[in-house]
């Protein structure tokens, strides 16, 4: 049975799901319907392209550029974290992007995987998370496709161009998940990952 999480409510993945190995991290969002007002000749606004990424950390720090798994680097060198591809519009039901994590295979030097989403060209397109609704992150057991937990973002993120959705981290030999839900004004992934250097 899926646990509906609140911001900062940590949950043990290992304890609740014995033998857990493959975790599917699903991220989803919908664009708020925007009206053109009375100017019917105005150009249609560009779709909002959100990009999900996973940042693997050594003792809370990003050490190698290959430790960022995103649409430009779909697979971590260890093969333990894999991005399933870029969704350019967020249209449709269910997960918009997925990242697969093989927990037992992650080398011991990695203690945390930070899951982030940024809006592609947010500044140039004048887009922000206030234009997005129904955003969520969910973790699914890869053995049976059962949703283990879900965190729905409900705060007002107007003006925020990137989001730290959550963290999968190792603590005393078990894997846990922390829903963070922290908006940032980082204009792109490059600036976002600098927070961890």
Protein backbone atom coordinates (compact mmCIF):
# COMPACT_ATOMS: atom_id res chain seq x y z
CA UNK A 1 0.00 0.00 0.00
CA UNK A 2 1.39 3.40 -1.01
CA UNK A 3 2.29 5.94 1.66
CA UNK A 4 1.29 9.53 0.92
CA UNK A 5 4.16 11.64 2.23
CA UNK A 6 4.37 15.19 3.51
CA UNK A 7 7.41 17.43 2.99
CA UNK A 8 10.32 16.18 5.15
CA UNK A 9 8.52 12.96 6.21
CA UNK A 10 11.29 10.39 5.81
CA UNK A 11 10.41 6.76 5.08
CA UNK A 12 12.55 3.61 5.10
CA UNK A 13 12.47 1.84 1.75
CA UNK A 14 14.50 -1.18 2.93
CA UNK A 15 12.50 -1.87 6.09
CA UNK A 16 9.06 -1.48 4.50
CA UNK A 17 10.00 -3.56 1.42
CA UNK A 18 12.36 -6.45 2.33
CA UNK A 19 14.52 -7.54 -0.61
CA UNK A 20 13.89 -4.30 -2.49
CA UNK A 21 16.38 -3.90 -5.32
CA UNK A 22 15.07 -2.03 -8.36
CA UNK A 23 13.24 1.24 -7.67
CA UNK A 24 11.38 3.16 -10.37
CA UNK A 25 11.31 6.87 -9.54
CA UNK A 26 8.39 8.43 -11.37
CA UNK A 27 8.09 12.19 -11.71
CA UNK A 28 5.06 13.92 -13.14
CA UNK A 29 3.52 17.34 -13.68
CA UNK A 30 0.84 19.11 -15.71
CA UNK A 31 0.97 22.52 -17.25
CA UNK A 32 -1.60 25.01 -15.96
CA UNK A 33 -3.95 25.99 -18.79
CA UNK A 34 -2.97 29.49 -19.88
CA UNK A 35 -5.40 31.76 -21.64
CA UNK A 36 -4.34 34.18 -24.33
CA UNK A 37 -6.84 36.74 -23.06
CA UNK A 38 -8.42 38.88 -25.75
CA UNK A 39 -5.39 38.87 -28.04
CA UNK A 40 -6.24 35.97 -30.33
CA UNK A 41 -3.27 36.79 -32.56
CA UNK A 42 -0.74 36.37 -29.74
CA UNK A 43 1.67 33.47 -30.27
CA UNK A 44 0.87 30.30 -28.40
CA UNK A 45 3.11 30.05 -25.31
CA UNK A 46 5.92 27.50 -25.60
CA UNK A 47 5.20 24.22 -23.81
CA UNK A 48 6.94 23.84 -20.47
CA UNK A 49 9.76 21.30 -20.80
CA UNK A 50 10.68 19.96 -17.37
CA UNK A 51 13.83 17.86 -17.12
CA UNK A 52 14.33 15.31 -14.33
CA UNK A 53 17.84 14.44 -13.17
CA UNK A 54 19.52 12.30 -10.52
CA UNK A 55 22.68 13.53 -8.76
CA UNK A 56 24.78 10.86 -7.02
CA UNK A 57 26.73 12.22 -4.05
CA UNK A 58 29.81 11.10 -2.09
CA UNK A 59 29.37 12.22 1.53
CA UNK A 60 26.89 14.85 0.37
CA UNK A 61 29.12 16.19 -2.44
CA UNK A 62 29.15 15.83 -6.22
CA UNK A 63 32.61 14.54 -7.16
CA UNK A 64 32.44 13.56 -10.86
CA UNK A 65 30.39 15.07 -13.69
CA UNK A 66 29.40 11.51 -14.70
CA UNK A 67 27.50 11.31 -11.38
CA UNK A 68 24.75 13.48 -12.88
CA UNK A 69 22.22 11.32 -14.76
CA UNK A 70 19.98 13.41 -17.04
CA UNK A 71 18.74 13.60 -20.66
CA UNK A 72 22.34 14.20 -21.85
CA UNK A 73 23.82 11.31 -19.80
CA UNK A 74 21.11 8.65 -19.56
CA UNK A 75 23.14 6.03 -17.70
CA UNK A 76 25.53 6.23 -14.75
CA UNK A 77 28.92 4.55 -15.45
CA UNK A 78 28.10 1.89 -12.81
CA UNK A 79 24.82 1.07 -14.61
CA UNK A 80 22.94 1.48 -11.31
CA UNK A 81 21.00 4.64 -12.23
CA UNK A 82 19.30 5.03 -15.60
CA UNK A 83 17.17 7.86 -16.99
CA UNK A 84 14.42 6.54 -19.26
CA UNK A 85 14.35 9.55 -21.61
CA UNK A 86 13.18 13.13 -21.93
CA UNK A 87 9.51 14.13 -22.10
CA UNK A 88 9.36 17.53 -23.80
CA UNK A 89 5.85 18.63 -22.82
CA UNK A 90 4.54 16.82 -19.72
CA UNK A 91 1.42 15.87 -21.67
CA UNK A 92 -0.48 12.69 -20.82
CA UNK A 93 -1.34 10.77 -17.68
CA UNK A 94 1.03 9.14 -15.20
CA UNK A 95 4.79 9.60 -14.96
CA UNK A 96 6.30 12.14 -17.32
CA UNK A 97 9.87 10.96 -16.72
CA UNK A 98 11.29 7.93 -14.94
CA UNK A 99 14.64 7.14 -13.39
CA UNK A 100 15.49 3.53 -12.53
CA UNK A 101 17.71 2.92 -9.48
CA UNK A 102 19.36 -0.43 -8.67
CA UNK A 103 19.91 0.01 -4.91
CA UNK A 104 22.10 -3.07 -4.14
CA UNK A 105 24.46 -2.24 -7.00
CA UNK A 106 25.22 1.33 -5.93
CA UNK A 107 28.86 1.46 -4.78
CA UNK A 108 29.33 2.10 -1.06
CA UNK A 109 31.00 5.48 -1.62
CA UNK A 110 27.67 6.95 -2.76
CA UNK A 111 25.45 7.91 0.15
CA UNK A 112 22.71 9.95 -1.52
CA UNK A 113 20.85 10.36 -4.81
CA UNK A 114 19.20 13.77 -5.15
CA UNK A 115 16.24 13.89 -7.55
CA UNK A 116 15.75 17.28 -9.16
CA UNK A 117 13.67 18.84 -11.93
CA UNK A 118 14.46 22.03 -13.79
CA UNK A 119 12.52 23.88 -16.48
CA UNK A 120 14.47 23.91 -19.73
CA UNK A 121 15.25 27.51 -20.81
CA UNK A 122 13.03 28.81 -17.99
CA UNK A 123 14.47 32.33 -18.01
CA UNK A 124 14.36 32.77 -21.80
CA UNK A 125 10.81 31.40 -21.99
CA UNK A 126 9.66 33.28 -18.84
CA UNK A 127 8.43 30.03 -17.26
CA UNK A 128 8.36 28.92 -13.63
CA UNK A 129 6.84 26.25 -11.40
CA UNK A 130 3.84 28.50 -10.68
CA UNK A 131 2.70 27.50 -14.20
CA UNK A 132 2.78 23.81 -13.23
CA UNK A 133 0.20 21.84 -11.29
CA UNK A 134 -0.25 18.27 -10.02
CA UNK A 135 3.53 17.80 -9.63
CA UNK A 136 4.58 14.60 -7.85
CA UNK A 137 7.38 12.16 -7.21
CA UNK A 138 6.62 8.50 -6.53
CA UNK A 139 8.72 5.43 -5.83
CA UNK A 140 7.66 2.10 -7.29
CA UNK A 141 8.96 -1.39 -6.42
CA UNK A 142 10.44 -2.72 -9.68
CA UNK A 143 9.57 -6.34 -8.74
CA UNK A 144 5.80 -5.89 -8.83
CA UNK A 145 5.14 -2.28 -9.95
CA UNK A 146 3.55 -1.49 -6.57
CA UNK A 147 3.79 2.17 -5.61
CA UNK A 148 5.62 2.38 -2.27
CA UNK A 149 5.28 6.09 -1.60
CA UNK A 150 4.21 9.32 -3.25
CA UNK A 151 4.80 12.97 -2.52
CA UNK A 152 2.52 15.56 -4.13
CA UNK A 153 3.89 19.10 -4.30
CA UNK A 154 1.21 21.48 -3.05
CA UNK A 155 3.08 24.70 -2.20
CA UNK A 156 3.00 27.77 -4.42
CA UNK A 157 6.25 27.69 -6.39
CA UNK A 158 5.69 30.86 -8.44
CA UNK A 159 9.00 32.30 -9.59
CA UNK A 160 10.88 29.02 -8.97
CA UNK A 161 12.63 27.61 -12.04
CA UNK A 162 13.98 24.39 -10.52
CA UNK A 163 12.90 21.94 -7.85
CA UNK A 164 14.70 19.59 -5.48
CA UNK A 165 11.98 16.91 -5.38
CA UNK A 166 13.52 14.39 -3.01
CA UNK A 167 16.47 12.28 -1.89
CA UNK A 168 17.11 8.55 -1.74
CA UNK A 169 19.83 8.11 0.86
CA UNK A 170 21.72 5.43 2.76
CA UNK A 171 21.54 5.54 6.56
CA UNK A 172 22.88 2.80 8.88
CA UNK A 173 22.84 0.25 6.08
CA UNK A 174 19.28 0.92 4.90
CA UNK A 175 17.88 3.01 2.08
CA UNK A 176 15.46 5.81 2.92
CA UNK A 177 13.53 8.46 1.02
CA UNK A 178 13.13 12.09 2.01
CA UNK A 179 10.58 14.23 0.10
CA UNK A 180 12.23 17.67 -0.04
CA UNK A 181 9.98 19.83 -2.23
CA UNK A 182 12.38 22.80 -2.26
CA UNK A 183 11.98 25.29 -5.09
CA UNK A 184 15.01 27.24 -6.33
CA UNK A 185 15.64 30.05 -8.81
CA UNK A 186 18.52 28.18 -10.49
CA UNK A 187 18.15 28.89 -14.24
CA UNK A 188 19.41 25.45 -15.30
CA UNK A 189 20.87 22.11 -14.26
CA UNK A 190 24.43 23.48 -14.25
CA UNK A 191 23.57 26.00 -11.54
CA UNK A 192 21.48 23.47 -9.63
CA UNK A 193 24.30 20.91 -9.37
CA UNK A 194 26.71 23.57 -8.11
CA UNK A 195 24.77 23.45 -4.83
CA UNK A 196 26.36 20.03 -4.27
CA UNK A 197 29.97 20.83 -5.16
